[in-house]
N, C-alpha and C. Protein backbone atom coordinates (compact mmCIF):
# COMPACT_ATOMS: atom_id res chain seq x y z
N MET A 1 0.82 -1.20 0.00
CA MET A 1 0.00 0.00 0.00
C MET A 1 0.85 1.25 0.00
N ASN A 2 1.92 1.22 0.81
CA ASN A 2 2.84 2.37 0.85
C ASN A 2 3.60 2.52 -0.45
N GLU A 3 3.92 1.37 -1.05
CA GLU A 3 4.67 1.41 -2.33
C GLU A 3 3.83 2.02 -3.42
N GLN A 4 2.51 1.71 -3.42
CA GLN A 4 1.64 2.27 -4.45
C GLN A 4 1.44 3.76 -4.26
N GLN A 5 1.42 4.21 -2.99
CA GLN A 5 1.24 5.63 -2.74
C GLN A 5 2.50 6.43 -3.08
N SER A 6 3.67 5.83 -2.97
CA SER A 6 4.94 6.54 -3.24
C SER A 6 5.15 6.79 -4.72
N LYS A 7 4.58 5.92 -5.56
CA LYS A 7 4.80 6.09 -7.00
C LYS A 7 4.16 7.37 -7.53
N PRO A 8 2.89 7.64 -7.18
CA PRO A 8 2.30 8.91 -7.65
C PRO A 8 3.03 10.11 -7.11
N LYS A 9 3.50 9.97 -5.84
CA LYS A 9 4.22 11.09 -5.24
C LYS A 9 5.51 11.37 -5.99
N ASN A 10 6.24 10.32 -6.31
CA ASN A 10 7.50 10.49 -7.06
C ASN A 10 7.23 11.04 -8.46
N LYS A 11 6.13 10.60 -9.05
CA LYS A 11 5.76 11.08 -10.39
C LYS A 11 5.44 12.57 -10.37
N LYS A 12 4.73 12.98 -9.30
CA LYS A 12 4.39 14.40 -9.18
C LYS A 12 5.64 15.25 -8.97
N GLN A 13 6.56 14.74 -8.18
CA GLN A 13 7.81 15.47 -7.94
C GLN A 13 8.61 15.60 -9.23
N LEU A 14 8.66 14.50 -10.01
CA LEU A 14 9.39 14.54 -11.27
C LEU A 14 8.79 15.57 -12.22
N THR A 15 7.45 15.59 -12.28
CA THR A 15 6.78 16.58 -13.15
C THR A 15 7.08 17.99 -12.68
N TYR A 16 7.05 18.18 -11.37
CA TYR A 16 7.34 19.51 -10.80
C TYR A 16 8.74 19.98 -11.18
N TYR A 17 9.70 19.06 -11.05
CA TYR A 17 11.09 19.42 -11.37
C TYR A 17 11.27 19.69 -12.87
N LEU A 18 10.56 18.93 -13.69
CA LEU A 18 10.64 19.16 -15.14
C LEU A 18 10.10 20.54 -15.51
N ILE A 19 8.93 20.86 -14.88
CA ILE A 19 8.34 22.17 -15.16
C ILE A 19 9.24 23.29 -14.66
N LEU A 20 9.79 23.12 -13.46
CA LEU A 20 10.69 24.12 -12.89
C LEU A 20 11.93 24.31 -13.76
N GLY A 21 12.46 23.18 -14.22
CA GLY A 21 13.64 23.27 -15.09
C GLY A 21 13.34 23.97 -16.40
N ALA A 22 12.17 23.67 -16.94
CA ALA A 22 11.78 24.32 -18.19
C ALA A 22 11.62 25.83 -18.01
N CYS A 23 11.00 26.20 -16.86
CA CYS A 23 10.83 27.63 -16.57
C CYS A 23 12.19 28.33 -16.44
N ILE A 24 13.10 27.66 -15.76
CA ILE A 24 14.45 28.24 -15.59
C ILE A 24 15.13 28.42 -16.95
N LEU A 25 14.99 27.42 -17.80
CA LEU A 25 15.58 27.51 -19.14
C LEU A 25 14.97 28.66 -19.95
N VAL A 26 13.65 28.81 -19.86
CA VAL A 26 12.97 29.89 -20.60
C VAL A 26 13.43 31.25 -20.09
N ILE A 27 13.50 31.36 -18.74
CA ILE A 27 13.94 32.63 -18.16
C ILE A 27 15.37 32.95 -18.57
N ALA A 28 16.23 31.93 -18.56
CA ALA A 28 17.62 32.13 -18.95
C ALA A 28 17.73 32.54 -20.42
N ALA A 29 16.92 31.90 -21.27
CA ALA A 29 16.95 32.24 -22.70
C ALA A 29 16.48 33.67 -22.93
N VAL A 30 15.38 34.05 -22.24
CA VAL A 30 14.88 35.42 -22.38
C VAL A 30 15.90 36.43 -21.89
N THR A 31 16.52 36.13 -20.76
CA THR A 31 17.54 37.04 -20.21
C THR A 31 18.71 37.18 -21.17
N LEU A 32 19.14 36.07 -21.73
CA LEU A 32 20.25 36.11 -22.68
C LEU A 32 19.89 36.92 -23.92
N ALA A 33 18.65 36.73 -24.41
CA ALA A 33 18.21 37.45 -25.61
C ALA A 33 18.16 38.96 -25.35
N VAL A 34 17.61 39.33 -24.19
CA VAL A 34 17.52 40.76 -23.85
C VAL A 34 18.91 41.36 -23.71
N THR A 35 19.81 40.62 -23.06
CA THR A 35 21.19 41.10 -22.88
C THR A 35 21.88 41.31 -24.22
N LEU A 36 21.73 40.32 -25.12
CA LEU A 36 22.35 40.45 -26.45
C LEU A 36 21.76 41.62 -27.22
N SER A 37 20.43 41.79 -27.11
CA SER A 37 19.78 42.89 -27.82
C SER A 37 20.28 44.24 -27.36
N LEU A 38 20.40 44.40 -26.02
CA LEU A 38 20.89 45.66 -25.48
C LEU A 38 22.33 45.90 -25.86
N THR A 39 23.12 44.84 -25.87
CA THR A 39 24.54 44.98 -26.23
C THR A 39 24.69 45.40 -27.68
N LEU A 40 23.94 44.75 -28.58
CA LEU A 40 24.01 45.09 -30.00
C LEU A 40 23.53 46.51 -30.25
N LYS A 41 22.45 46.91 -29.56
CA LYS A 41 21.93 48.27 -29.73
C LYS A 41 22.95 49.30 -29.28
N LYS A 42 23.62 49.00 -28.17
CA LYS A 42 24.65 49.92 -27.67
C LYS A 42 25.80 50.03 -28.65
N ASP A 43 26.19 48.89 -29.24
CA ASP A 43 27.28 48.91 -30.23
C ASP A 43 26.87 49.71 -31.46
N ASP A 44 25.59 49.54 -31.89
CA ASP A 44 25.12 50.29 -33.07
C ASP A 44 25.14 51.79 -32.80
N ILE A 45 24.70 52.19 -31.60
CA ILE A 45 24.69 53.62 -31.26
C ILE A 45 26.10 54.16 -31.25
N GLN A 46 27.03 53.41 -30.67
CA GLN A 46 28.43 53.85 -30.62
C GLN A 46 29.02 53.95 -32.01
N LEU A 47 28.66 52.95 -32.89
CA LEU A 47 29.16 52.97 -34.26
C LEU A 47 28.64 54.17 -35.02
N ASP A 48 27.33 54.48 -34.85
CA ASP A 48 26.76 55.65 -35.51
C ASP A 48 27.42 56.93 -35.03
N ALA A 49 27.68 57.00 -33.73
CA ALA A 49 28.33 58.20 -33.18
C ALA A 49 29.73 58.36 -33.73
N ASP A 50 30.46 57.24 -33.81
CA ASP A 50 31.83 57.31 -34.35
C ASP A 50 31.81 57.71 -35.81
N GLN A 51 30.84 57.15 -36.58
CA GLN A 51 30.76 57.47 -38.01
C GLN A 51 30.41 58.93 -38.22
N THR A 52 29.46 59.43 -37.39
CA THR A 52 29.08 60.84 -37.50
C THR A 52 30.26 61.74 -37.19
N GLN A 53 31.03 61.37 -36.17
CA GLN A 53 32.20 62.17 -35.82
C GLN A 53 33.22 62.16 -36.93
N ASP A 54 33.42 60.97 -37.55
CA ASP A 54 34.37 60.87 -38.65
C ASP A 54 33.92 61.69 -39.83
N ASP A 55 32.60 61.60 -40.15
CA ASP A 55 32.08 62.38 -41.29
C ASP A 55 32.23 63.86 -41.03
N GLY A 56 31.96 64.27 -39.80
CA GLY A 56 32.10 65.69 -39.47
C GLY A 56 33.53 66.15 -39.63
N GLY A 57 34.47 65.30 -39.24
CA GLY A 57 35.87 65.66 -39.39
C GLY A 57 36.27 65.79 -40.83
N ASP A 58 35.73 64.86 -41.68
CA ASP A 58 36.06 64.93 -43.10
C ASP A 58 35.51 66.19 -43.71
N ASP A 59 34.24 66.56 -43.33
CA ASP A 59 33.66 67.78 -43.88
C ASP A 59 34.48 68.99 -43.48
N GLU A 60 34.95 68.99 -42.22
CA GLU A 60 35.73 70.13 -41.76
C GLU A 60 37.03 70.24 -42.54
N ASP A 61 37.65 69.06 -42.79
CA ASP A 61 38.88 69.08 -43.56
C ASP A 61 38.63 69.56 -44.97
N ARG A 62 37.49 69.10 -45.56
CA ARG A 62 37.21 69.53 -46.94
C ARG A 62 36.94 71.02 -47.00
N ASP A 63 36.19 71.51 -46.00
CA ASP A 63 35.87 72.93 -46.00
C ASP A 63 37.14 73.75 -45.87
N ASP A 64 38.06 73.33 -45.01
CA ASP A 64 39.31 74.05 -44.85
C ASP A 64 40.10 74.03 -46.14
N GLY A 65 40.07 72.86 -46.85
CA GLY A 65 40.82 72.78 -48.10
C GLY A 65 40.25 73.69 -49.15
N ASP A 66 38.89 73.72 -49.25
CA ASP A 66 38.26 74.58 -50.24
C ASP A 66 38.58 76.04 -49.97
N ALA A 67 38.55 76.41 -48.67
CA ALA A 67 38.84 77.79 -48.32
C ALA A 67 40.26 78.15 -48.70
N ALA A 68 41.18 77.20 -48.51
CA ALA A 68 42.58 77.46 -48.84
C ALA A 68 42.75 77.62 -50.34
N ASP A 69 41.92 76.84 -51.13
CA ASP A 69 42.05 76.91 -52.58
C ASP A 69 41.56 78.25 -53.12
N THR A 70 40.54 78.82 -52.49
CA THR A 70 39.92 80.01 -53.06
C THR A 70 40.33 81.32 -52.41
N ALA A 71 40.92 81.25 -51.21
CA ALA A 71 41.15 82.48 -50.48
C ALA A 71 42.35 83.26 -50.98
N GLY A 72 43.49 82.57 -51.17
CA GLY A 72 44.72 83.31 -51.40
C GLY A 72 45.07 83.53 -52.85
N ASP A 73 45.28 82.42 -53.60
CA ASP A 73 45.87 82.51 -54.92
C ASP A 73 44.97 83.22 -55.93
N ASN A 74 43.66 83.19 -55.75
CA ASN A 74 42.74 83.75 -56.73
C ASN A 74 42.23 85.13 -56.36
N THR A 75 42.85 85.77 -55.39
CA THR A 75 42.44 87.12 -55.01
C THR A 75 43.14 88.13 -55.90
N PHE A 76 42.39 88.79 -56.77
CA PHE A 76 42.96 89.72 -57.75
C PHE A 76 43.27 91.07 -57.11
N GLY A 77 44.35 91.67 -57.61
CA GLY A 77 44.61 93.08 -57.35
C GLY A 77 44.12 93.88 -58.55
N MET A 78 43.89 95.18 -58.35
CA MET A 78 43.44 96.02 -59.46
C MET A 78 44.58 96.23 -60.44
N PRO A 79 44.29 96.18 -61.74
CA PRO A 79 45.34 96.35 -62.75
C PRO A 79 45.73 97.81 -63.00
N VAL A 80 44.97 98.74 -62.44
CA VAL A 80 45.26 100.17 -62.59
C VAL A 80 45.07 100.85 -61.24
N THR A 81 45.65 102.03 -61.10
CA THR A 81 45.53 102.77 -59.85
C THR A 81 44.18 103.49 -59.76
N ALA A 82 43.85 104.25 -60.80
CA ALA A 82 42.58 104.98 -60.83
C ALA A 82 41.52 104.09 -61.46
N VAL A 83 40.57 103.64 -60.64
CA VAL A 83 39.55 102.70 -61.13
C VAL A 83 38.36 103.47 -61.68
N ASN A 84 38.34 103.57 -63.01
CA ASN A 84 37.25 104.25 -63.70
C ASN A 84 36.79 103.36 -64.84
N ALA A 85 35.80 102.48 -64.55
CA ALA A 85 35.34 101.52 -65.54
C ALA A 85 34.56 102.21 -66.64
N LEU A 86 35.09 102.12 -67.85
CA LEU A 86 34.51 102.80 -69.01
C LEU A 86 33.46 101.93 -69.68
N ASN A 87 33.83 100.71 -70.02
CA ASN A 87 32.93 99.73 -70.63
C ASN A 87 33.04 98.42 -69.86
N GLY A 88 31.89 97.82 -69.55
CA GLY A 88 31.89 96.56 -68.81
C GLY A 88 31.86 95.36 -69.72
N TYR A 89 31.83 94.20 -69.09
CA TYR A 89 31.75 92.93 -69.81
C TYR A 89 30.32 92.70 -70.27
N GLY A 90 30.16 92.38 -71.57
CA GLY A 90 28.83 92.08 -72.08
C GLY A 90 28.57 92.74 -73.43
N PHE A 91 27.33 92.69 -73.87
CA PHE A 91 26.93 93.23 -75.16
C PHE A 91 26.99 94.75 -75.13
N TYR A 92 27.71 95.35 -76.08
CA TYR A 92 27.82 96.82 -76.06
C TYR A 92 28.01 97.36 -77.48
N HIS A 93 27.93 98.71 -77.58
CA HIS A 93 28.12 99.38 -78.87
C HIS A 93 29.51 99.96 -78.94
N ASN A 94 30.28 99.48 -79.91
CA ASN A 94 31.62 100.01 -80.13
C ASN A 94 31.49 101.27 -81.00
N THR A 95 31.79 102.42 -80.40
CA THR A 95 31.61 103.68 -81.13
C THR A 95 32.65 103.85 -82.24
N THR A 96 33.80 103.23 -82.09
CA THR A 96 34.85 103.34 -83.12
C THR A 96 34.43 102.61 -84.38
N LEU A 97 33.94 101.38 -84.23
CA LEU A 97 33.54 100.56 -85.37
C LEU A 97 32.06 100.71 -85.70
N ASP A 98 31.31 101.37 -84.81
CA ASP A 98 29.86 101.52 -84.96
C ASP A 98 29.20 100.15 -85.13
N LYS A 99 29.56 99.24 -84.22
CA LYS A 99 29.00 97.89 -84.23
C LYS A 99 28.65 97.46 -82.81
N TYR A 100 27.67 96.54 -82.74
CA TYR A 100 27.31 95.93 -81.46
C TYR A 100 27.90 94.53 -81.40
N TYR A 101 28.54 94.20 -80.30
CA TYR A 101 29.06 92.84 -80.12
C TYR A 101 29.42 92.63 -78.65
N LEU A 102 29.83 91.41 -78.34
CA LEU A 102 30.21 91.08 -76.97
C LEU A 102 31.54 91.71 -76.62
N HIS A 103 31.53 92.52 -75.58
CA HIS A 103 32.76 93.10 -75.07
C HIS A 103 33.29 92.14 -74.01
N ALA A 104 34.40 91.48 -74.33
CA ALA A 104 34.87 90.35 -73.53
C ALA A 104 35.75 90.76 -72.36
N GLY A 105 35.70 92.02 -71.95
CA GLY A 105 36.53 92.46 -70.83
C GLY A 105 35.95 93.71 -70.20
N ILE A 106 36.78 94.38 -69.41
CA ILE A 106 36.41 95.67 -68.81
C ILE A 106 37.43 96.71 -69.24
N ASP A 107 36.97 97.88 -69.68
CA ASP A 107 37.84 98.99 -70.04
C ASP A 107 37.98 99.94 -68.85
N PHE A 108 39.23 100.21 -68.49
CA PHE A 108 39.50 101.18 -67.42
C PHE A 108 40.08 102.44 -68.05
N ALA A 109 39.32 103.53 -67.99
CA ALA A 109 39.78 104.79 -68.57
C ALA A 109 41.02 105.28 -67.81
N GLY A 110 41.92 105.93 -68.55
CA GLY A 110 43.12 106.44 -67.92
C GLY A 110 43.82 107.45 -68.79
N GLU A 111 45.05 107.72 -68.44
CA GLU A 111 45.89 108.63 -69.21
C GLU A 111 47.05 107.85 -69.81
N THR A 112 47.51 108.30 -70.95
CA THR A 112 48.68 107.68 -71.56
C THR A 112 49.85 107.71 -70.57
N GLY A 113 50.45 106.57 -70.37
CA GLY A 113 51.58 106.47 -69.44
C GLY A 113 51.21 105.97 -68.06
N ASP A 114 49.90 105.85 -67.76
CA ASP A 114 49.49 105.28 -66.47
C ASP A 114 50.03 103.87 -66.33
N GLU A 115 50.46 103.53 -65.13
CA GLU A 115 51.03 102.19 -64.90
C GLU A 115 49.93 101.12 -64.90
N VAL A 116 50.31 99.96 -65.42
CA VAL A 116 49.43 98.79 -65.46
C VAL A 116 50.09 97.69 -64.63
N PHE A 117 49.31 97.06 -63.74
CA PHE A 117 49.86 96.10 -62.79
C PHE A 117 49.35 94.69 -63.06
N ALA A 118 50.19 93.71 -62.75
CA ALA A 118 49.75 92.31 -62.80
C ALA A 118 48.69 92.10 -61.72
N ALA A 119 47.56 91.52 -62.11
CA ALA A 119 46.46 91.33 -61.16
C ALA A 119 46.68 90.13 -60.24
N LEU A 120 47.63 89.27 -60.61
CA LEU A 120 47.81 88.02 -59.88
C LEU A 120 49.22 87.50 -60.16
N ASP A 121 49.77 86.74 -59.22
CA ASP A 121 51.06 86.09 -59.47
C ASP A 121 50.93 85.22 -60.71
N GLY A 122 51.96 85.20 -61.54
CA GLY A 122 51.89 84.37 -62.73
C GLY A 122 53.14 84.45 -63.57
N THR A 123 52.99 84.03 -64.82
CA THR A 123 54.08 83.99 -65.79
C THR A 123 53.62 84.67 -67.07
N VAL A 124 54.51 85.43 -67.66
CA VAL A 124 54.19 86.08 -68.94
C VAL A 124 54.09 84.99 -70.00
N GLU A 125 52.90 84.80 -70.53
CA GLU A 125 52.70 83.79 -71.56
C GLU A 125 53.07 84.32 -72.94
N SER A 126 52.65 85.57 -73.21
CA SER A 126 52.95 86.15 -74.52
C SER A 126 52.84 87.66 -74.47
N ILE A 127 53.55 88.30 -75.39
CA ILE A 127 53.43 89.75 -75.62
C ILE A 127 53.26 89.91 -77.13
N VAL A 128 52.04 90.29 -77.55
CA VAL A 128 51.71 90.33 -78.97
C VAL A 128 51.28 91.74 -79.34
N THR A 129 51.76 92.21 -80.50
CA THR A 129 51.40 93.55 -80.97
C THR A 129 50.66 93.47 -82.29
N ASP A 130 49.46 94.07 -82.31
CA ASP A 130 48.66 94.21 -83.52
C ASP A 130 48.51 95.71 -83.75
N ALA A 131 49.38 96.25 -84.57
CA ALA A 131 49.47 97.71 -84.71
C ALA A 131 48.20 98.32 -85.28
N ARG A 132 47.36 97.55 -85.96
CA ARG A 132 46.20 98.12 -86.63
C ARG A 132 44.95 98.14 -85.74
N LEU A 133 44.70 97.06 -84.98
CA LEU A 133 43.45 96.94 -84.25
C LEU A 133 43.57 96.97 -82.72
N MET A 134 44.50 96.20 -82.18
CA MET A 134 44.52 95.99 -80.74
C MET A 134 45.75 96.55 -80.02
N GLY A 135 46.69 97.06 -80.76
CA GLY A 135 47.91 97.52 -80.11
C GLY A 135 48.64 96.33 -79.49
N THR A 136 49.22 96.52 -78.31
CA THR A 136 49.96 95.44 -77.65
C THR A 136 49.09 94.78 -76.58
N THR A 137 49.13 93.45 -76.55
CA THR A 137 48.42 92.67 -75.54
C THR A 137 49.43 91.80 -74.79
N ILE A 138 49.42 91.91 -73.47
CA ILE A 138 50.24 91.06 -72.61
C ILE A 138 49.32 90.03 -71.97
N THR A 139 49.64 88.76 -72.11
CA THR A 139 48.85 87.69 -71.49
C THR A 139 49.68 87.01 -70.41
N LEU A 140 49.09 86.93 -69.21
CA LEU A 140 49.73 86.24 -68.09
C LEU A 140 48.96 84.97 -67.78
N SER A 141 49.69 83.90 -67.51
CA SER A 141 49.05 82.65 -67.07
C SER A 141 49.24 82.50 -65.57
N HIS A 142 48.20 81.96 -64.92
CA HIS A 142 48.20 81.82 -63.47
C HIS A 142 47.79 80.39 -63.10
N GLU A 143 47.76 80.12 -61.82
CA GLU A 143 47.31 78.81 -61.37
C GLU A 143 45.79 78.69 -61.49
N ASN A 144 45.31 77.45 -61.32
CA ASN A 144 43.87 77.17 -61.29
C ASN A 144 43.16 77.51 -62.60
N GLY A 145 43.87 77.39 -63.73
CA GLY A 145 43.25 77.58 -65.04
C GLY A 145 42.96 79.00 -65.42
N LEU A 146 43.54 79.97 -64.70
CA LEU A 146 43.26 81.38 -64.96
C LEU A 146 44.33 82.02 -65.85
N LYS A 147 43.88 82.96 -66.68
CA LYS A 147 44.76 83.83 -67.46
C LYS A 147 44.19 85.23 -67.42
N THR A 148 45.07 86.22 -67.49
CA THR A 148 44.63 87.61 -67.61
C THR A 148 45.32 88.24 -68.81
N ALA A 149 44.61 89.16 -69.48
CA ALA A 149 45.15 89.83 -70.68
C ALA A 149 44.99 91.34 -70.53
N TYR A 150 46.01 92.07 -70.95
CA TYR A 150 46.09 93.52 -70.80
C TYR A 150 46.35 94.10 -72.19
N THR A 151 45.36 94.83 -72.74
CA THR A 151 45.43 95.30 -74.12
C THR A 151 45.40 96.83 -74.17
N PHE A 152 45.95 97.36 -75.28
CA PHE A 152 46.14 98.80 -75.50
C PHE A 152 47.17 99.34 -74.50
N VAL A 153 48.29 98.62 -74.41
CA VAL A 153 49.35 98.99 -73.47
C VAL A 153 50.70 99.03 -74.20
N ASP A 154 51.67 99.64 -73.54
CA ASP A 154 53.08 99.54 -73.95
C ASP A 154 53.76 98.68 -72.90
N ALA A 155 54.30 97.52 -73.32
CA ALA A 155 54.92 96.59 -72.37
C ALA A 155 56.12 97.23 -71.70
N LEU A 156 56.33 96.87 -70.43
CA LEU A 156 57.49 97.35 -69.70
C LEU A 156 58.77 96.93 -70.42
N GLU A 157 59.71 97.83 -70.53
CA GLU A 157 60.96 97.53 -71.23
C GLU A 157 61.65 96.35 -70.55
N GLY A 158 62.03 95.39 -71.35
CA GLY A 158 62.72 94.21 -70.85
C GLY A 158 61.81 93.06 -70.49
N LEU A 159 60.50 93.30 -70.45
CA LEU A 159 59.57 92.22 -70.11
C LEU A 159 59.49 91.24 -71.27
N GLU A 160 59.60 89.95 -70.96
CA GLU A 160 59.61 88.93 -72.01
C GLU A 160 58.74 87.74 -71.61
N ALA A 161 58.33 86.98 -72.63
CA ALA A 161 57.57 85.75 -72.37
C ALA A 161 58.42 84.82 -71.52
N GLY A 162 57.79 84.21 -70.53
CA GLY A 162 58.49 83.31 -69.62
C GLY A 162 58.88 83.96 -68.31
N ASP A 163 58.82 85.31 -68.24
CA ASP A 163 59.16 86.01 -67.00
C ASP A 163 58.09 85.74 -65.93
N ALA A 164 58.55 85.55 -64.70
CA ALA A 164 57.63 85.41 -63.57
C ALA A 164 57.31 86.79 -63.02
N VAL A 165 56.06 87.02 -62.69
CA VAL A 165 55.64 88.31 -62.14
C VAL A 165 54.83 88.07 -60.88
N LYS A 166 54.83 89.06 -59.99
CA LYS A 166 54.06 89.01 -58.77
C LYS A 166 52.86 89.95 -58.88
N LYS A 167 51.82 89.66 -58.13
CA LYS A 167 50.66 90.56 -58.10
C LYS A 167 51.11 91.94 -57.67
N GLY A 168 50.75 92.95 -58.47
CA GLY A 168 51.12 94.32 -58.17
C GLY A 168 52.36 94.80 -58.90
N ASP A 169 53.08 93.88 -59.58
CA ASP A 169 54.24 94.30 -60.37
C ASP A 169 53.79 95.13 -61.56
N VAL A 170 54.54 96.18 -61.89
CA VAL A 170 54.26 96.97 -63.10
C VAL A 170 54.70 96.16 -64.30
N ILE A 171 53.77 95.93 -65.23
CA ILE A 171 54.11 95.16 -66.43
C ILE A 171 53.99 96.01 -67.69
N ALA A 172 53.35 97.19 -67.59
CA ALA A 172 53.12 98.00 -68.79
C ALA A 172 52.64 99.38 -68.38
N THR A 173 52.43 100.21 -69.40
CA THR A 173 51.77 101.50 -69.22
C THR A 173 50.66 101.61 -70.26
N VAL A 174 49.66 102.43 -69.97
CA VAL A 174 48.57 102.65 -70.91
C VAL A 174 49.12 103.36 -72.14
N ALA A 175 48.76 102.85 -73.32
CA ALA A 175 49.28 103.39 -74.58
C ALA A 175 48.40 104.52 -75.10
N GLU A 176 48.87 105.17 -76.15
CA GLU A 176 48.08 106.18 -76.85
C GLU A 176 46.83 105.53 -77.43
N PRO A 177 45.69 106.24 -77.47
CA PRO A 177 44.47 105.67 -78.05
C PRO A 177 44.71 105.24 -79.49
N MET A 178 44.29 104.03 -79.80
CA MET A 178 44.48 103.53 -81.16
C MET A 178 43.60 102.30 -81.38
N GLY A 179 43.60 101.82 -82.60
CA GLY A 179 42.93 100.57 -82.92
C GLY A 179 41.42 100.65 -82.87
N GLN A 180 40.81 99.52 -82.60
CA GLN A 180 39.36 99.40 -82.73
C GLN A 180 38.58 100.02 -81.59
N GLU A 181 39.27 100.61 -80.60
CA GLU A 181 38.56 101.30 -79.52
C GLU A 181 39.16 102.70 -79.29
N TYR A 182 39.75 103.30 -80.32
CA TYR A 182 40.46 104.55 -80.11
C TYR A 182 39.53 105.70 -79.73
N LYS A 183 38.27 105.65 -80.15
CA LYS A 183 37.34 106.73 -79.81
C LYS A 183 37.00 106.76 -78.31
N ASP A 184 37.33 105.70 -77.59
CA ASP A 184 37.12 105.67 -76.15
C ASP A 184 38.26 106.34 -75.39
N GLY A 185 39.26 106.79 -76.13
CA GLY A 185 40.40 107.44 -75.48
C GLY A 185 41.36 106.43 -74.88
N ALA A 186 42.40 106.94 -74.21
CA ALA A 186 43.40 106.06 -73.60
C ALA A 186 42.74 105.22 -72.49
N HIS A 187 42.95 103.92 -72.55
CA HIS A 187 42.38 103.04 -71.53
C HIS A 187 43.06 101.67 -71.56
N LEU A 188 42.88 100.93 -70.49
CA LEU A 188 43.32 99.54 -70.43
C LEU A 188 42.13 98.64 -70.68
N HIS A 189 42.26 97.75 -71.65
CA HIS A 189 41.25 96.72 -71.89
C HIS A 189 41.72 95.46 -71.17
N PHE A 190 40.98 95.05 -70.13
CA PHE A 190 41.41 93.96 -69.25
C PHE A 190 40.47 92.77 -69.39
N GLU A 191 41.04 91.58 -69.65
CA GLU A 191 40.25 90.37 -69.82
C GLU A 191 40.72 89.28 -68.86
N VAL A 192 39.78 88.37 -68.53
CA VAL A 192 40.09 87.21 -67.70
C VAL A 192 39.58 85.96 -68.41
N PHE A 193 40.41 84.91 -68.40
CA PHE A 193 40.02 83.64 -69.01
C PHE A 193 40.12 82.54 -67.94
N LEU A 194 39.10 81.69 -67.91
CA LEU A 194 39.09 80.54 -67.02
C LEU A 194 38.98 79.28 -67.86
N ASN A 195 40.02 78.46 -67.79
CA ASN A 195 40.07 77.21 -68.58
C ASN A 195 39.81 77.48 -70.07
N GLY A 196 40.37 78.59 -70.56
CA GLY A 196 40.30 78.90 -71.98
C GLY A 196 39.11 79.72 -72.42
N SER A 197 38.15 79.97 -71.54
CA SER A 197 36.95 80.73 -71.91
C SER A 197 36.95 82.08 -71.21
N ALA A 198 36.54 83.12 -71.97
CA ALA A 198 36.47 84.47 -71.39
C ALA A 198 35.36 84.52 -70.35
N VAL A 199 35.64 85.15 -69.21
CA VAL A 199 34.65 85.33 -68.14
C VAL A 199 34.66 86.79 -67.71
N ASP A 200 33.64 87.18 -66.98
CA ASP A 200 33.52 88.57 -66.54
C ASP A 200 34.59 88.87 -65.49
N PRO A 201 35.50 89.81 -65.78
CA PRO A 201 36.53 90.16 -64.79
C PRO A 201 35.94 90.71 -63.49
N GLY A 202 34.70 91.21 -63.56
CA GLY A 202 34.05 91.73 -62.36
C GLY A 202 33.87 90.69 -61.28
N GLN A 203 33.92 89.41 -61.64
CA GLN A 203 33.81 88.34 -60.66
C GLN A 203 35.05 88.29 -59.75
N TYR A 204 36.15 88.83 -60.24
CA TYR A 204 37.41 88.71 -59.53
C TYR A 204 37.91 90.05 -58.99
N LEU A 205 37.34 91.15 -59.43
CA LEU A 205 37.80 92.46 -59.05
C LEU A 205 36.80 93.16 -58.13
N ASP A 206 37.30 93.81 -57.09
CA ASP A 206 36.45 94.56 -56.17
C ASP A 206 36.29 95.99 -56.69
N ILE A 207 35.57 96.12 -57.80
CA ILE A 207 35.42 97.45 -58.43
C ILE A 207 34.55 98.36 -57.59
N ASP A 208 33.48 97.81 -56.99
CA ASP A 208 32.56 98.64 -56.22
C ASP A 208 33.23 99.23 -54.98
N GLY A 209 34.26 98.51 -54.49
CA GLY A 209 34.93 98.99 -53.29
C GLY A 209 36.00 100.02 -53.57
N LYS A 210 36.19 100.34 -54.84
CA LYS A 210 37.24 101.33 -55.20
C LYS A 210 36.63 102.69 -55.49
């Protein structure tokens, strides 16, 4: 009789222990899953923070580089002392030829003999004289695809192609009125080229501040 009663009791205990063990396993699995989830989330947040910091550093470096590229070397000086813009860049009427066409530079009115200055550090690319239409034109090449041209001038004595010049160096003087713009009087015709194409010199010159 006692043996029969002990069997159900042992069976109940075994079931109890099995259920308890299963509960412990479930709790352990849930705890492990939550722990792993929190750990992975923390790693993701740290990774995003590190990536954001790295990206911010790269942007700062790029911004500093861009500022360095544009701040110093491309800052033009005025090519003449007395800034009196006669004709601007764009479509205009040439009174000498009585024609309308694109004026590819800026004319600075002056007096014969006024000094003409290099607007930027560079090298003398060419000195060309067209006695009938344009007089003498000095072309300087600069960094970053820039060139400047100075027309209706008398080149400085001794200046030759290949010479290095600094911004503000005297490279010429304003010549006597002649050629296709002689009715405008003595003046410097100043042009700027970027990668071979004529652009408005007003983009590079602080004319309004003079």
